[in-house]
Amino acid sequence: MTRCVERFEDMSPIGRLRLYCQDDGDLIVEVIDSNENFAHVEFCMPMTGGGQSEHTHAALRHLMVAMAKDELLRKQTREHPNGAKIETSSDPAQDLQVWIARAGEL
């Protein structure tokens, strides 16, 4: 199952950072700005997935775990300028705790 964790940035109302970990270990980083525009990059699993950036991949996994821990401590909700409520999209807390433990970070 693909894992996703997302956090709002501190300097704009709805800008956020979203990371996905796919079943094969590849990591996708998305940056979403205040106008809902986004860009993404993908880092493949080193060795078995053809990834060429093993240290970057490891750092992104650590970032994803840190974001998951933040999400467990403080779920974020913001109001879109159109009035809609936006919540950070992440796995349920129980799933995050299991994922963090499996990542060896608890």
PDB file of N, CA and C in Angstrom:
ATOM      1  N   MET A   1       0.840  -1.177   0.000  1.00  0.00           N
ATOM      2  CA  MET A   1       0.000   0.000   0.000  1.00  0.00           C
ATOM      3  C   MET A   1       0.889   1.245   0.000  1.00  0.00           C
ATOM      4  N   THR A   2       0.579   2.193  -0.840  1.00  0.00           N
ATOM      5  CA  THR A   2       1.315   3.447  -0.879  1.00  0.00           C
ATOM      6  C   THR A   2       1.033   4.243   0.390  1.00  0.00           C
ATOM      7  N   ARG A   3       2.077   4.733   1.013  1.00  0.00           N
ATOM      8  CA  ARG A   3       1.953   5.578   2.216  1.00  0.00           C
ATOM      9  C   ARG A   3       2.061   7.036   1.807  1.00  0.00           C
ATOM     10  N   CYS A   4       1.312   7.885   2.488  1.00  0.00           N
ATOM     11  CA  CYS A   4       1.344   9.313   2.197  1.00  0.00           C
ATOM     12  C   CYS A   4       1.355  10.083   3.506  1.00  0.00           C
ATOM     13  N   VAL A   5       2.159  11.119   3.553  1.00  0.00           N
ATOM     14  CA  VAL A   5       2.137  12.041   4.684  1.00  0.00           C
ATOM     15  C   VAL A   5       2.271  13.452   4.127  1.00  0.00           C
ATOM     16  N   GLU A   6       1.590  14.390   4.768  1.00  0.00           N
ATOM     17  CA  GLU A   6       1.522  15.758   4.250  1.00  0.00           C
ATOM     18  C   GLU A   6       1.524  16.737   5.415  1.00  0.00           C
ATOM     19  N   ARG A   7       2.218  17.866   5.231  1.00  0.00           N
ATOM     20  CA  ARG A   7       2.246  18.922   6.253  1.00  0.00           C
ATOM     21  C   ARG A   7       2.107  20.275   5.570  1.00  0.00           C
ATOM     22  N   PHE A   8       1.341  21.171   6.210  1.00  0.00           N
ATOM     23  CA  PHE A   8       1.254  22.543   5.736  1.00  0.00           C
ATOM     24  C   PHE A   8       2.550  23.265   6.042  1.00  0.00           C
ATOM     25  N   GLU A   9       2.923  24.178   5.164  1.00  0.00           N
ATOM     26  CA  GLU A   9       4.092  25.015   5.444  1.00  0.00           C
ATOM     27  C   GLU A   9       3.693  26.113   6.433  1.00  0.00           C
ATOM     28  N   ASP A  10       4.663  26.833   6.912  1.00  0.00           N
ATOM     29  CA  ASP A  10       4.416  27.847   7.938  1.00  0.00           C
ATOM     30  C   ASP A  10       4.189  29.250   7.391  1.00  0.00           C
ATOM     31  N   MET A  11       4.484  29.491   6.122  1.00  0.00           N
ATOM     32  CA  MET A  11       4.474  30.867   5.633  1.00  0.00           C
ATOM     33  C   MET A  11       3.337  31.216   4.672  1.00  0.00           C
ATOM     34  N   SER A  12       2.498  30.248   4.302  1.00  0.00           N
ATOM     35  CA  SER A  12       1.356  30.573   3.451  1.00  0.00           C
ATOM     36  C   SER A  12       0.138  29.815   3.964  1.00  0.00           C
ATOM     37  N   PRO A  13      -1.039  30.269   3.592  1.00  0.00           N
ATOM     38  CA  PRO A  13      -2.246  29.660   4.161  1.00  0.00           C
ATOM     39  C   PRO A  13      -2.435  28.181   3.819  1.00  0.00           C
ATOM     40  N   ILE A  14      -2.127  27.781   2.579  1.00  0.00           N
ATOM     41  CA  ILE A  14      -2.417  26.390   2.207  1.00  0.00           C
ATOM     42  C   ILE A  14      -1.281  25.692   1.459  1.00  0.00           C
ATOM     43  N   GLY A  15      -0.104  26.289   1.404  1.00  0.00           N
ATOM     44  CA  GLY A  15       1.039  25.611   0.801  1.00  0.00           C
ATOM     45  C   GLY A  15       1.415  24.403   1.642  1.00  0.00           C
ATOM     46  N   ARG A  16       1.821  23.329   0.991  1.00  0.00           N
ATOM     47  CA  ARG A  16       2.140  22.139   1.761  1.00  0.00           C
ATOM     48  C   ARG A  16       3.138  21.235   1.033  1.00  0.00           C
ATOM     49  N   LEU A  17       3.698  20.337   1.809  1.00  0.00           N
ATOM     50  CA  LEU A  17       4.648  19.348   1.328  1.00  0.00           C
ATOM     51  C   LEU A  17       4.015  17.978   1.523  1.00  0.00           C
ATOM     52  N   ARG A  18       4.059  17.160   0.482  1.00  0.00           N
ATOM     53  CA  ARG A  18       3.456  15.818   0.543  1.00  0.00           C
ATOM     54  C   ARG A  18       4.489  14.810   0.066  1.00  0.00           C
ATOM     55  N   LEU A  19       4.645  13.732   0.815  1.00  0.00           N
ATOM     56  CA  LEU A  19       5.547  12.653   0.428  1.00  0.00           C
ATOM     57  C   LEU A  19       4.779  11.346   0.346  1.00  0.00           C
ATOM     58  N   TYR A  20       5.081  10.582  -0.695  1.00  0.00           N
ATOM     59  CA  TYR A  20       4.506   9.250  -0.877  1.00  0.00           C
ATOM     60  C   TYR A  20       5.628   8.227  -0.859  1.00  0.00           C
ATOM     61  N   CYS A  21       5.385   7.093  -0.233  1.00  0.00           N
ATOM     62  CA  CYS A  21       6.278   5.943  -0.326  1.00  0.00           C
ATOM     63  C   CYS A  21       5.473   4.839  -1.006  1.00  0.00           C
ATOM     64  N   GLN A  22       5.883   4.470  -2.208  1.00  0.00           N
ATOM     65  CA  GLN A  22       5.170   3.452  -2.961  1.00  0.00           C
ATOM     66  C   GLN A  22       5.544   2.056  -2.457  1.00  0.00           C
ATOM     67  N   ASP A  23       4.756   1.073  -2.854  1.00  0.00           N
ATOM     68  CA  ASP A  23       4.995  -0.307  -2.421  1.00  0.00           C
ATOM     69  C   ASP A  23       6.401  -0.800  -2.734  1.00  0.00           C
ATOM     70  N   ASP A  24       6.970  -0.323  -3.832  1.00  0.00           N
ATOM     71  CA  ASP A  24       8.312  -0.760  -4.223  1.00  0.00           C
ATOM     72  C   ASP A  24       9.428   0.040  -3.556  1.00  0.00           C
ATOM     73  N   GLY A  25       9.054   0.990  -2.671  1.00  0.00           N
ATOM     74  CA  GLY A  25      10.047   1.785  -1.948  1.00  0.00           C
ATOM     75  C   GLY A  25      10.397   3.102  -2.605  1.00  0.00           C
ATOM     76  N   ASP A  26       9.920   3.328  -3.820  1.00  0.00           N
ATOM     77  CA  ASP A  26      10.165   4.614  -4.474  1.00  0.00           C
ATOM     78  C   ASP A  26       9.471   5.725  -3.689  1.00  0.00           C
ATOM     79  N   LEU A  27      10.081   6.893  -3.661  1.00  0.00           N
ATOM     80  CA  LEU A  27       9.548   8.046  -2.931  1.00  0.00           C
ATOM     81  C   LEU A  27       9.193   9.163  -3.903  1.00  0.00           C
ATOM     82  N   ILE A  28       8.038   9.752  -3.701  1.00  0.00           N
ATOM     83  CA  ILE A  28       7.584  10.881  -4.509  1.00  0.00           C
ATOM     84  C   ILE A  28       7.420  12.068  -3.583  1.00  0.00           C
ATOM     85  N   VAL A  29       8.000  13.199  -3.987  1.00  0.00           N
ATOM     86  CA  VAL A  29       7.903  14.440  -3.229  1.00  0.00           C
ATOM     87  C   VAL A  29       7.052  15.416  -4.035  1.00  0.00           C
ATOM     88  N   GLU A  30       6.006  15.947  -3.424  1.00  0.00           N
ATOM     89  CA  GLU A  30       5.170  16.960  -4.063  1.00  0.00           C
ATOM     90  C   GLU A  30       5.209  18.236  -3.233  1.00  0.00           C
ATOM     91  N   VAL A  31       5.321  19.352  -3.916  1.00  0.00           N
ATOM     92  CA  VAL A  31       5.231  20.656  -3.279  1.00  0.00           C
ATOM     93  C   VAL A  31       4.003  21.339  -3.877  1.00  0.00           C
ATOM     94  N   ILE A  32       3.079  21.746  -3.013  1.00  0.00           N
ATOM     95  CA  ILE A  32       1.834  22.376  -3.451  1.00  0.00           C
ATOM     96  C   ILE A  32       1.851  23.817  -2.956  1.00  0.00           C
ATOM     97  N   ASP A  33       1.676  24.770  -3.877  1.00  0.00           N
ATOM     98  CA  ASP A  33       1.712  26.178  -3.468  1.00  0.00           C
ATOM     99  C   ASP A  33       0.314  26.679  -3.088  1.00  0.00           C
ATOM    100  N   SER A  34       0.224  27.940  -2.720  1.00  0.00           N
ATOM    101  CA  SER A  34      -1.035  28.520  -2.257  1.00  0.00           C
ATOM    102  C   SER A  34      -2.094  28.624  -3.340  1.00  0.00           C
ATOM    103  N   ASN A  35      -1.694  28.465  -4.600  1.00  0.00           N
ATOM    104  CA  ASN A  35      -2.658  28.489  -5.703  1.00  0.00           C
ATOM    105  C   ASN A  35      -3.036  27.085  -6.148  1.00  0.00           C
ATOM    106  N   GLU A  36      -2.644  26.084  -5.362  1.00  0.00           N
ATOM    107  CA  GLU A  36      -2.917  24.676  -5.656  1.00  0.00           C
ATOM    108  C   GLU A  36      -2.130  24.148  -6.863  1.00  0.00           C
ATOM    109  N   ASN A  37      -1.105  24.884  -7.297  1.00  0.00           N
ATOM    110  CA  ASN A  37      -0.187  24.372  -8.311  1.00  0.00           C
ATOM    111  C   ASN A  37       0.774  23.428  -7.606  1.00  0.00           C
ATOM    112  N   PHE A  38       1.219  22.398  -8.305  1.00  0.00           N
ATOM    113  CA  PHE A  38       2.177  21.518  -7.657  1.00  0.00           C
ATOM    114  C   PHE A  38       3.202  20.997  -8.657  1.00  0.00           C
ATOM    115  N   ALA A  39       4.317  20.588  -8.086  1.00  0.00           N
ATOM    116  CA  ALA A  39       5.376  19.935  -8.840  1.00  0.00           C
ATOM    117  C   ALA A  39       5.778  18.710  -8.040  1.00  0.00           C
ATOM    118  N   HIS A  40       6.245  17.683  -8.725  1.00  0.00           N
ATOM    119  CA  HIS A  40       6.687  16.504  -8.006  1.00  0.00           C
ATOM    120  C   HIS A  40       7.939  15.907  -8.652  1.00  0.00           C
ATOM    121  N   VAL A  41       8.685  15.211  -7.817  1.00  0.00           N
ATOM    122  CA  VAL A  41       9.871  14.482  -8.257  1.00  0.00           C
ATOM    123  C   VAL A  41       9.823  13.096  -7.623  1.00  0.00           C
ATOM    124  N   GLU A  42      10.463  12.135  -8.275  1.00  0.00           N
ATOM    125  CA  GLU A  42      10.461  10.763  -7.768  1.00  0.00           C
ATOM    126  C   GLU A  42      11.893  10.261  -7.636  1.00  0.00           C
ATOM    127  N   PHE A  43      12.175   9.642  -6.500  1.00  0.00           N
ATOM    128  CA  PHE A  43      13.470   9.027  -6.247  1.00  0.00           C
ATOM    129  C   PHE A  43      13.245   7.535  -6.074  1.00  0.00           C
ATOM    130  N   CYS A  44      13.824   6.747  -6.977  1.00  0.00           N
ATOM    131  CA  CYS A  44      13.630   5.295  -6.962  1.00  0.00           C
ATOM    132  C   CYS A  44      14.478   4.650  -5.873  1.00  0.00           C
ATOM    133  N   MET A  45      14.049   3.473  -5.483  1.00  0.00           N
ATOM    134  CA  MET A  45      14.756   2.687  -4.479  1.00  0.00           C
ATOM    135  C   MET A  45      16.169   2.390  -4.982  1.00  0.00           C
ATOM    136  N   PRO A  46      17.186   2.695  -4.168  1.00  0.00           N
ATOM    137  CA  PRO A  46      18.561   2.392  -4.590  1.00  0.00           C
ATOM    138  C   PRO A  46      18.755   0.897  -4.847  1.00  0.00           C
ATOM    139  N   MET A  47      19.610   0.586  -5.747  1.00  0.00           N
ATOM    140  CA  MET A  47      19.998  -0.762  -6.169  1.00  0.00           C
ATOM    141  C   MET A  47      18.854  -1.488  -6.880  1.00  0.00           C
ATOM    142  N   THR A  48      17.886  -2.016  -6.141  1.00  0.00           N
ATOM    143  CA  THR A  48      16.842  -2.847  -6.756  1.00  0.00           C
ATOM    144  C   THR A  48      15.908  -2.057  -7.660  1.00  0.00           C
ATOM    145  N   GLY A  49      15.715  -0.772  -7.388  1.00  0.00           N
ATOM    146  CA  GLY A  49      14.790   0.028  -8.189  1.00  0.00           C
ATOM    147  C   GLY A  49      15.471   0.940  -9.188  1.00  0.00           C
ATOM    148  N   GLY A  50      16.787   0.863  -9.254  1.00  0.00           N
ATOM    149  CA  GLY A  50      17.520   1.686 -10.208  1.00  0.00           C
ATOM    150  C   GLY A  50      17.811   3.086  -9.709  1.00  0.00           C
ATOM    151  N   GLY A  51      17.526   3.366  -8.454  1.00  0.00           N
ATOM    152  CA  GLY A  51      17.770   4.693  -7.903  1.00  0.00           C
ATOM    153  C   GLY A  51      19.245   5.044  -7.873  1.00  0.00           C
ATOM    154  N   GLN A  52      19.558   6.290  -8.152  1.00  0.00           N
ATOM    155  CA  GLN A  52      20.938   6.742  -8.225  1.00  0.00           C
ATOM    156  C   GLN A  52      21.331   7.646  -7.058  1.00  0.00           C
ATOM    157  N   SER A  53      20.419   7.805  -6.095  1.00  0.00           N
ATOM    158  CA  SER A  53      20.658   8.763  -5.008  1.00  0.00           C
ATOM    159  C   SER A  53      20.347   8.123  -3.662  1.00  0.00           C
ATOM    160  N   GLU A  54      21.191   7.175  -3.246  1.00  0.00           N
ATOM    161  CA  GLU A  54      20.869   6.430  -2.033  1.00  0.00           C
ATOM    162  C   GLU A  54      20.820   7.302  -0.782  1.00  0.00           C
ATOM    163  N   HIS A  55      21.682   8.298  -0.668  1.00  0.00           N
ATOM    164  CA  HIS A  55      21.674   9.164   0.521  1.00  0.00           C
ATOM    165  C   HIS A  55      20.467  10.092   0.499  1.00  0.00           C
ATOM    166  N   THR A  56      20.125  10.592  -0.665  1.00  0.00           N
ATOM    167  CA  THR A  56      18.933  11.439  -0.800  1.00  0.00           C
ATOM    168  C   THR A  56      17.693  10.620  -0.475  1.00  0.00           C
ATOM    169  N   HIS A  57      17.630   9.402  -0.987  1.00  0.00           N
ATOM    170  CA  HIS A  57      16.495   8.520  -0.711  1.00  0.00           C
ATOM    171  C   HIS A  57      16.364   8.272   0.793  1.00  0.00           C
ATOM    172  N   ALA A  58      17.487   7.989   1.450  1.00  0.00           N
ATOM    173  CA  ALA A  58      17.470   7.750   2.897  1.00  0.00           C
ATOM    174  C   ALA A  58      17.016   8.994   3.650  1.00  0.00           C
ATOM    175  N   ALA A  59      17.513  10.164   3.237  1.00  0.00           N
ATOM    176  CA  ALA A  59      17.119  11.411   3.909  1.00  0.00           C
ATOM    177  C   ALA A  59      15.626  11.682   3.731  1.00  0.00           C
ATOM    178  N   LEU A  60      15.097  11.388   2.556  1.00  0.00           N
ATOM    179  CA  LEU A  60      13.666  11.585   2.328  1.00  0.00           C
ATOM    180  C   LEU A  60      12.832  10.616   3.162  1.00  0.00           C
ATOM    181  N   ARG A  61      13.314   9.391   3.343  1.00  0.00           N
ATOM    182  CA  ARG A  61      12.610   8.452   4.229  1.00  0.00           C
ATOM    183  C   ARG A  61      12.599   8.990   5.654  1.00  0.00           C
ATOM    184  N   HIS A  62      13.724   9.545   6.102  1.00  0.00           N
ATOM    185  CA  HIS A  62      13.784  10.133   7.448  1.00  0.00           C
ATOM    186  C   HIS A  62      12.837  11.330   7.545  1.00  0.00           C
ATOM    187  N   LEU A  63      12.786  12.144   6.493  1.00  0.00           N
ATOM    188  CA  LEU A  63      11.867  13.278   6.474  1.00  0.00           C
ATOM    189  C   LEU A  63      10.430  12.783   6.554  1.00  0.00           C
ATOM    190  N   MET A  64      10.110  11.741   5.826  1.00  0.00           N
ATOM    191  CA  MET A  64       8.748  11.211   5.849  1.00  0.00           C
ATOM    192  C   MET A  64       8.379  10.720   7.249  1.00  0.00           C
ATOM    193  N   VAL A  65       9.304  10.055   7.918  1.00  0.00           N
ATOM    194  CA  VAL A  65       9.056   9.598   9.290  1.00  0.00           C
ATOM    195  C   VAL A  65       8.873  10.798  10.216  1.00  0.00           C
ATOM    196  N   ALA A  66       9.696  11.828  10.071  1.00  0.00           N
ATOM    197  CA  ALA A  66       9.565  13.029  10.898  1.00  0.00           C
ATOM    198  C   ALA A  66       8.207  13.694  10.682  1.00  0.00           C
ATOM    199  N   MET A  67       7.778  13.771   9.417  1.00  0.00           N
ATOM    200  CA  MET A  67       6.476  14.367   9.123  1.00  0.00           C
ATOM    201  C   MET A  67       5.351  13.525   9.715  1.00  0.00           C
ATOM    202  N   ALA A  68       5.497  12.202   9.680  1.00  0.00           N
ATOM    203  CA  ALA A  68       4.488  11.319  10.263  1.00  0.00           C
ATOM    204  C   ALA A  68       4.410  11.521  11.775  1.00  0.00           C
ATOM    205  N   LYS A  69       5.568  11.664  12.414  1.00  0.00           N
ATOM    206  CA  LYS A  69       5.580  11.930  13.860  1.00  0.00           C
ATOM    207  C   LYS A  69       4.895  13.258  14.170  1.00  0.00           C
ATOM    208  N   ASP A  70       5.186  14.298  13.371  1.00  0.00           N
ATOM    209  CA  ASP A  70       4.519  15.592  13.553  1.00  0.00           C
ATOM    210  C   ASP A  70       3.013  15.446  13.382  1.00  0.00           C
ATOM    211  N   GLU A  71       2.615  14.649  12.412  1.00  0.00           N
ATOM    212  CA  GLU A  71       1.190  14.439  12.142  1.00  0.00           C
ATOM    213  C   GLU A  71       0.506  13.753  13.321  1.00  0.00           C
ATOM    214  N   LEU A  72       1.196  12.814  13.958  1.00  0.00           N
ATOM    215  CA  LEU A  72       0.639  12.152  15.133  1.00  0.00           C
ATOM    216  C   LEU A  72       0.478  13.124  16.292  1.00  0.00           C
ATOM    217  N   LEU A  73       1.440  14.036  16.420  1.00  0.00           N
ATOM    218  CA  LEU A  73       1.397  15.000  17.522  1.00  0.00           C
ATOM    219  C   LEU A  73       0.440  16.158  17.265  1.00  0.00           C
ATOM    220  N   ARG A  74       0.320  16.560  15.993  1.00  0.00           N
ATOM    221  CA  ARG A  74      -0.487  17.741  15.693  1.00  0.00           C
ATOM    222  C   ARG A  74      -1.040  17.679  14.273  1.00  0.00           C
ATOM    223  N   LYS A  75      -2.244  17.138  14.158  1.00  0.00           N
ATOM    224  CA  LYS A  75      -2.919  17.109  12.861  1.00  0.00           C
ATOM    225  C   LYS A  75      -3.221  18.546  12.458  1.00  0.00           C
ATOM    226  N   GLN A  76      -3.049  18.855  11.182  1.00  0.00           N
ATOM    227  CA  GLN A  76      -3.237  20.225  10.715  1.00  0.00           C
ATOM    228  C   GLN A  76      -4.515  20.360   9.890  1.00  0.00           C
ATOM    229  N   THR A  77      -5.196  21.477  10.082  1.00  0.00           N
ATOM    230  CA  THR A  77      -6.371  21.838   9.296  1.00  0.00           C
ATOM    231  C   THR A  77      -6.264  23.321   8.963  1.00  0.00           C
ATOM    232  N   ARG A  78      -6.554  23.666   7.726  1.00  0.00           N
ATOM    233  CA  ARG A  78      -6.548  25.067   7.301  1.00  0.00           C
ATOM    234  C   ARG A  78      -7.822  25.352   6.516  1.00  0.00           C
ATOM    235  N   GLU A  79      -8.132  26.631   6.387  1.00  0.00           N
ATOM    236  CA  GLU A  79      -9.272  27.026   5.580  1.00  0.00           C
ATOM    237  C   GLU A  79      -8.784  27.588   4.256  1.00  0.00           C
ATOM    238  N   HIS A  80      -9.289  27.013   3.174  1.00  0.00           N
ATOM    239  CA  HIS A  80      -8.975  27.489   1.834  1.00  0.00           C
ATOM    240  C   HIS A  80      -9.608  28.862   1.654  1.00  0.00           C
ATOM    241  N   PRO A  81      -9.023  29.748   0.837  1.00  0.00           N
ATOM    242  CA  PRO A  81      -9.633  31.066   0.603  1.00  0.00           C
ATOM    243  C   PRO A  81     -11.095  30.990   0.137  1.00  0.00           C
ATOM    244  N   ASN A  82     -11.492  29.866  -0.479  1.00  0.00           N
ATOM    245  CA  ASN A  82     -12.888  29.726  -0.899  1.00  0.00           C
ATOM    246  C   ASN A  82     -13.796  29.242   0.230  1.00  0.00           C
ATOM    247  N   GLY A  83     -13.227  29.042   1.413  1.00  0.00           N
ATOM    248  CA  GLY A  83     -14.007  28.638   2.581  1.00  0.00           C
ATOM    249  C   GLY A  83     -13.986  27.150   2.875  1.00  0.00           C
ATOM    250  N   ALA A  84     -13.467  26.352   1.956  1.00  0.00           N
ATOM    251  CA  ALA A  84     -13.421  24.907   2.177  1.00  0.00           C
ATOM    252  C   ALA A  84     -12.367  24.552   3.225  1.00  0.00           C
ATOM    253  N   LYS A  85     -12.640  23.525   3.988  1.00  0.00           N
ATOM    254  CA  LYS A  85     -11.707  23.045   5.002  1.00  0.00           C
ATOM    255  C   LYS A  85     -10.706  22.087   4.343  1.00  0.00           C
ATOM    256  N   ILE A  86      -9.421  22.281   4.606  1.00  0.00           N
ATOM    257  CA  ILE A  86      -8.367  21.408   4.086  1.00  0.00           C
ATOM    258  C   ILE A  86      -7.665  20.767   5.266  1.00  0.00           C
ATOM    259  N   GLU A  87      -7.584  19.449   5.241  1.00  0.00           N
ATOM    260  CA  GLU A  87      -6.821  18.721   6.250  1.00  0.00           C
ATOM    261  C   GLU A  87      -5.627  18.082   5.575  1.00  0.00           C
ATOM    262  N   THR A  88      -4.550  17.912   6.335  1.00  0.00           N
ATOM    263  CA  THR A  88      -3.416  17.203   5.774  1.00  0.00           C
ATOM    264  C   THR A  88      -3.852  15.769   5.514  1.00  0.00           C
ATOM    265  N   SER A  89      -3.489  15.256   4.369  1.00  0.00           N
ATOM    266  CA  SER A  89      -3.901  13.892   4.013  1.00  0.00           C
ATOM    267  C   SER A  89      -2.816  12.923   4.427  1.00  0.00           C
ATOM    268  N   SER A  90      -3.144  12.101   5.389  1.00  0.00           N
ATOM    269  CA  SER A  90      -2.203  11.107   5.874  1.00  0.00           C
ATOM    270  C   SER A  90      -2.955   9.852   6.243  1.00  0.00           C
ATOM    271  N   ASP A  91      -2.212   8.801   6.420  1.00  0.00           N
ATOM    272  CA  ASP A  91      -2.820   7.562   6.877  1.00  0.00           C
ATOM    273  C   ASP A  91      -3.371   7.774   8.281  1.00  0.00           C
ATOM    274  N   PRO A  92      -4.374   6.968   8.669  1.00  0.00           N
ATOM    275  CA  PRO A  92      -4.875   7.071  10.044  1.00  0.00           C
ATOM    276  C   PRO A  92      -3.741   6.914  11.044  1.00  0.00           C
ATOM    277  N   ALA A  93      -3.896   7.511  12.207  1.00  0.00           N
ATOM    278  CA  ALA A  93      -2.829   7.538  13.219  1.00  0.00           C
ATOM    279  C   ALA A  93      -2.288   6.148  13.528  1.00  0.00           C
ATOM    280  N   GLN A  94      -3.144   5.165  13.657  1.00  0.00           N
ATOM    281  CA  GLN A  94      -2.689   3.824  13.980  1.00  0.00           C
ATOM    282  C   GLN A  94      -1.752   3.298  12.887  1.00  0.00           C
ATOM    283  N   ASP A  95      -2.107   3.509  11.627  1.00  0.00           N
ATOM    284  CA  ASP A  95      -1.257   3.075  10.526  1.00  0.00           C
ATOM    285  C   ASP A  95       0.075   3.815  10.529  1.00  0.00           C
ATOM    286  N   LEU A  96       0.050   5.112  10.870  1.00  0.00           N
ATOM    287  CA  LEU A  96       1.297   5.878  10.924  1.00  0.00           C
ATOM    288  C   LEU A  96       2.222   5.320  11.990  1.00  0.00           C
ATOM    289  N   GLN A  97       1.679   4.968  13.155  1.00  0.00           N
ATOM    290  CA  GLN A  97       2.512   4.421  14.221  1.00  0.00           C
ATOM    291  C   GLN A  97       3.163   3.111  13.798  1.00  0.00           C
ATOM    292  N   VAL A  98       2.411   2.255  13.120  1.00  0.00           N
ATOM    293  CA  VAL A  98       2.956   0.994  12.622  1.00  0.00           C
ATOM    294  C   VAL A  98       4.043   1.267  11.592  1.00  0.00           C
ATOM    295  N   TRP A  99       3.775   2.189  10.672  1.00  0.00           N
ATOM    296  CA  TRP A  99       4.746   2.508   9.623  1.00  0.00           C
ATOM    297  C   TRP A  99       6.028   3.078  10.229  1.00  0.00           C
ATOM    298  N   ILE A 100       5.885   3.981  11.200  1.00  0.00           N
ATOM    299  CA  ILE A 100       7.065   4.571  11.859  1.00  0.00           C
ATOM    300  C   ILE A 100       7.869   3.469  12.556  1.00  0.00           C
ATOM    301  N   ALA A 101       7.197   2.579  13.267  1.00  0.00           N
ATOM    302  CA  ALA A 101       7.882   1.501  13.971  1.00  0.00           C
ATOM    303  C   ALA A 101       8.635   0.596  12.991  1.00  0.00           C
ATOM    304  N   ARG A 102       8.005   0.289  11.858  1.00  0.00           N
ATOM    305  CA  ARG A 102       8.656  -0.553  10.858  1.00  0.00           C
ATOM    306  C   ARG A 102       9.864   0.153  10.238  1.00  0.00           C
ATOM    307  N   ALA A 103       9.811   1.453  10.207  1.00  0.00           N
ATOM    308  CA  ALA A 103      10.942   2.209   9.667  1.00  0.00           C
ATOM    309  C   ALA A 103      12.092   2.286  10.670  1.00  0.00           C
ATOM    310  N   GLY A 104      11.872   1.752  11.874  1.00  0.00           N
ATOM    311  CA  GLY A 104      12.921   1.709  12.879  1.00  0.00           C
ATOM    312  C   GLY A 104      13.202   3.048  13.532  1.00  0.00           C
ATOM    313  N   GLU A 105      12.209   3.937  13.525  1.00  0.00           N
ATOM    314  CA  GLU A 105      12.445   5.278  14.042  1.00  0.00           C
ATOM    315  C   GLU A 105      11.805   5.544  15.404  1.00  0.00           C
ATOM    316  N   LEU A 106      11.019   4.631  15.939  1.00  0.00           N
ATOM    317  CA  LEU A 106      10.428   4.838  17.276  1.00  0.00           C
ATOM    318  C   LEU A 106      11.302   4.248  18.350  1.00  0.00           C
TER     319      LEU A 106
END
